[in-house]
Amino acid sequence: MKKDRAATEEKIYQAFLKVLEERGPQGVGINAIAKTAGVSKELIYRYFGGLKGLLLQYAQKGDFFKTILDIDQEQEGSLDALKIFTQKGTKELRENALSQEILRWQLLENNEHTKDLFKFTNAQIGKAFPMNGKDTSLTQALNLMIGGYVYFTLLSKFNKYFINTDLSDEATWEKFDSVIARTIELFKEGEV
């Protein structure tokens, strides 16, 4: 029985991925997933709690943002781990069009379906950030920089420029990445 449930859950999840890729986040729905998987809607609600649970599963499996699964627990919270995480994470963000669409969906609708996905993702990413009880300026600086990076990534789909910065030029993104890495190095060196 457990084997059947696991197989059915996987079938539902794969159907969810297929519908998500074909229709985008705003076009995904329980009816379409059920039809694609060949199961009842009730099973999707029973096994996943609906779309919200499927999106959380999407994050937990690393399909939304694989880099969060690569955070080394032994290095967790170190500046070296943070540097590696940001290098991998910014590249992944720019390459993962579906994750970008989910980010846009959350921003446009502030919907309930994505709340758990973002709560999980933010908690995982937070593990990479070193916290100092007295000085959280690195965390704040990187939050600002990464927030800007996410914004520029989302913006670049529709706009070539932000002010006079060419978002279509790979050299721009390399410079952004190098500024983030250098900021981490400054903190590592104790200069800031």
Protein backbone atom coordinates (compact mmCIF):
# COMPACT_ATOMS: atom_id res chain seq x y z
CA MET A 1 0.00 0.00 0.00
CA LYS A 2 2.80 2.44 0.90
CA LYS A 3 4.54 1.63 -2.37
CA ASP A 4 1.34 2.44 -4.28
CA ARG A 5 0.98 5.74 -2.43
CA ALA A 6 4.59 6.69 -3.11
CA ALA A 7 4.15 5.86 -6.79
CA THR A 8 0.91 7.85 -6.96
CA GLU A 9 2.51 10.81 -5.19
CA GLU A 10 5.35 10.76 -7.69
CA LYS A 11 2.88 10.49 -10.58
CA ILE A 12 1.00 13.53 -9.23
CA TYR A 13 4.21 15.48 -8.70
CA GLN A 14 5.41 14.71 -12.25
CA ALA A 15 2.03 15.80 -13.62
CA PHE A 16 2.34 19.01 -11.58
CA LEU A 17 5.78 19.66 -13.11
CA LYS A 18 4.46 19.02 -16.61
CA VAL A 19 1.50 21.38 -16.18
CA LEU A 20 3.72 23.99 -14.52
CA GLU A 21 6.21 23.90 -17.39
CA GLU A 22 3.51 23.95 -20.08
CA ARG A 23 1.22 26.60 -18.60
CA GLY A 24 3.40 28.54 -16.19
CA PRO A 25 2.57 29.15 -12.52
CA GLN A 26 -0.54 31.22 -13.19
CA GLY A 27 -2.00 28.51 -15.40
CA VAL A 28 -1.41 25.56 -13.12
CA GLY A 29 -4.47 24.14 -11.39
CA ILE A 30 -5.63 21.06 -9.53
CA ASN A 31 -8.02 20.02 -12.33
CA ALA A 32 -5.25 20.06 -14.94
CA ILE A 33 -2.86 18.21 -12.64
CA ALA A 34 -5.48 15.55 -11.84
CA LYS A 35 -6.27 15.06 -15.52
CA THR A 36 -2.59 14.84 -16.49
CA ALA A 37 -1.85 12.38 -13.66
CA GLY A 38 -5.01 10.38 -14.25
CA VAL A 39 -6.07 10.66 -10.61
CA SER A 40 -8.88 12.32 -8.70
CA LYS A 41 -8.55 15.83 -7.32
CA GLU A 42 -9.24 14.37 -3.89
CA LEU A 43 -5.98 12.39 -4.01
CA ILE A 44 -4.02 15.55 -4.71
CA TYR A 45 -5.61 17.26 -1.71
CA ARG A 46 -5.15 14.17 0.47
CA TYR A 47 -1.49 13.65 -0.42
CA PHE A 48 -0.32 17.24 -0.87
CA GLY A 49 -3.00 19.50 0.56
CA GLY A 50 -3.49 21.04 -2.88
CA LEU A 51 -1.37 23.38 -4.96
CA LYS A 52 0.25 24.94 -1.90
CA GLY A 53 1.67 21.54 -0.87
CA LEU A 54 2.86 20.76 -4.38
CA LEU A 55 4.71 24.08 -4.52
CA LEU A 56 6.30 23.37 -1.14
CA GLN A 57 7.39 19.95 -2.46
CA TYR A 58 8.81 21.78 -5.48
CA ALA A 59 11.00 23.83 -3.15
CA GLN A 60 11.95 20.93 -0.87
CA LYS A 61 13.10 18.80 -3.81
CA GLY A 62 15.27 21.66 -5.05
CA ASP A 63 13.34 22.11 -8.28
CA PHE A 64 12.63 25.74 -7.41
CA PHE A 65 16.17 26.56 -6.27
CA LYS A 66 18.60 23.63 -6.26
CA THR A 67 21.47 25.64 -4.76
CA ILE A 68 19.76 25.67 -1.35
CA LEU A 69 20.17 21.90 -1.17
CA ASP A 70 23.91 22.32 -1.73
CA ILE A 71 24.50 24.34 1.43
CA ASP A 72 27.18 22.38 3.26
CA GLN A 73 26.00 21.85 6.83
CA GLU A 74 29.57 21.78 8.15
CA GLN A 75 30.34 25.10 6.49
CA GLU A 76 26.89 26.56 7.20
CA GLY A 77 27.14 30.21 8.16
CA SER A 78 30.78 30.66 7.12
CA LEU A 79 31.84 33.43 4.76
CA ASP A 80 33.44 30.89 2.40
CA ALA A 81 30.18 28.94 2.17
CA LEU A 82 28.27 32.18 1.61
CA LYS A 83 30.58 33.13 -1.24
CA ILE A 84 30.13 29.74 -2.93
CA PHE A 85 26.38 29.86 -2.35
CA THR A 86 25.98 33.31 -3.90
CA GLN A 87 28.13 32.40 -6.91
CA LYS A 88 26.08 29.27 -7.61
CA GLY A 89 22.75 30.82 -6.63
CA THR A 90 22.93 33.91 -8.82
CA LYS A 91 23.88 31.78 -11.83
CA GLU A 92 21.04 29.35 -11.14
CA LEU A 93 18.54 32.17 -10.71
CA ARG A 94 19.44 33.65 -14.09
CA GLU A 95 19.22 30.26 -15.82
CA ASN A 96 15.97 29.01 -14.25
CA ALA A 97 13.17 30.70 -16.18
CA LEU A 98 10.44 28.78 -14.37
CA SER A 99 11.68 29.90 -10.95
CA GLN A 100 11.72 33.45 -12.28
CA GLU A 101 8.09 33.06 -13.33
CA ILE A 102 7.15 31.81 -9.86
CA LEU A 103 8.92 34.83 -8.33
CA ARG A 104 6.98 37.16 -10.64
CA TRP A 105 3.75 35.35 -9.78
CA GLN A 106 4.38 35.85 -6.07
CA LEU A 107 5.15 39.53 -6.58
CA LEU A 108 2.15 40.17 -8.79
CA GLU A 109 -0.47 38.33 -6.79
CA ASN A 110 1.00 37.83 -3.30
CA ASN A 111 -0.90 34.56 -3.39
CA GLU A 112 -1.38 32.00 -0.64
CA HIS A 113 -0.14 29.13 -2.82
CA THR A 114 3.48 30.30 -2.73
CA LYS A 115 3.74 31.35 0.93
CA ASP A 116 5.12 28.00 2.19
CA LEU A 117 7.47 27.71 -0.79
CA PHE A 118 9.01 31.08 0.04
CA LYS A 119 9.03 30.45 3.78
CA PHE A 120 10.98 27.21 3.23
CA THR A 121 13.32 28.77 0.66
CA ASN A 122 14.07 31.81 2.82
CA ALA A 123 14.79 29.60 5.86
CA GLN A 124 17.19 27.46 3.82
CA ILE A 125 18.96 30.46 2.30
CA GLY A 126 19.18 32.05 5.75
CA LYS A 127 21.40 29.15 6.83
CA ALA A 128 24.08 30.34 4.40
CA PHE A 129 24.25 33.81 5.94
CA PRO A 130 26.69 34.23 8.82
CA MET A 131 25.05 35.92 11.75
CA ASN A 132 26.97 37.95 14.25
CA GLY A 133 24.96 38.95 17.31
CA LYS A 134 26.50 42.43 17.35
CA ASP A 135 26.96 43.19 13.67
CA THR A 136 24.46 42.13 11.03
CA SER A 137 25.69 44.61 8.43
CA LEU A 138 26.96 41.84 6.12
CA THR A 139 23.56 40.19 6.15
CA GLN A 140 21.85 43.51 5.48
CA ALA A 141 24.30 44.44 2.70
CA LEU A 142 23.88 41.07 1.02
CA ASN A 143 20.10 41.13 1.40
CA LEU A 144 20.10 44.46 -0.42
CA MET A 145 22.50 43.25 -3.11
CA ILE A 146 20.72 39.95 -3.70
CA GLY A 147 17.34 41.67 -3.67
CA GLY A 148 18.66 43.97 -6.38
CA TYR A 149 20.06 40.99 -8.28
CA VAL A 150 16.68 39.24 -8.17
CA TYR A 151 14.94 42.41 -9.31
CA PHE A 152 17.38 42.92 -12.20
CA THR A 153 17.00 39.27 -13.19
CA LEU A 154 13.22 39.55 -13.30
CA LEU A 155 13.38 42.93 -15.03
CA SER A 156 15.83 41.71 -17.69
CA LYS A 157 13.13 39.57 -19.33
CA PHE A 158 11.24 42.70 -20.37
CA ASN A 159 13.80 45.51 -20.28
CA LYS A 160 17.26 45.64 -21.75
CA TYR A 161 18.39 48.49 -19.49
CA PHE A 162 18.08 49.63 -15.90
CA ILE A 163 19.01 53.32 -16.02
CA ASN A 164 22.29 53.00 -17.99
CA THR A 165 23.11 49.39 -17.03
CA ASP A 166 22.81 46.93 -19.91
CA LEU A 167 21.01 43.90 -18.47
CA SER A 168 21.46 41.98 -21.72
CA ASP A 169 25.26 42.08 -21.46
CA GLU A 170 26.86 39.07 -19.76
CA ALA A 171 29.69 41.34 -18.57
CA THR A 172 27.15 43.26 -16.46
CA TRP A 173 26.16 40.09 -14.63
CA GLU A 174 29.80 39.10 -14.15
CA LYS A 175 30.42 42.52 -12.56
CA PHE A 176 27.40 42.10 -10.29
CA ASP A 177 28.70 38.69 -9.20
CA SER A 178 32.16 40.07 -8.59
CA VAL A 179 30.79 42.94 -6.46
CA ILE A 180 28.89 40.45 -4.28
CA ALA A 181 32.01 38.26 -3.96
CA ARG A 182 34.19 41.28 -3.14
CA THR A 183 31.74 42.46 -0.48
CA ILE A 184 31.99 39.05 1.19
CA GLU A 185 35.79 39.23 0.93
CA LEU A 186 35.81 42.65 2.61
CA PHE A 187 33.92 41.23 5.55
CA LYS A 188 36.20 38.22 5.61
CA GLU A 189 39.24 40.49 5.71
CA GLY A 190 37.64 42.57 8.46
CA GLU A 191 37.88 45.75 6.40
CA VAL A 192 34.21 46.65 6.67
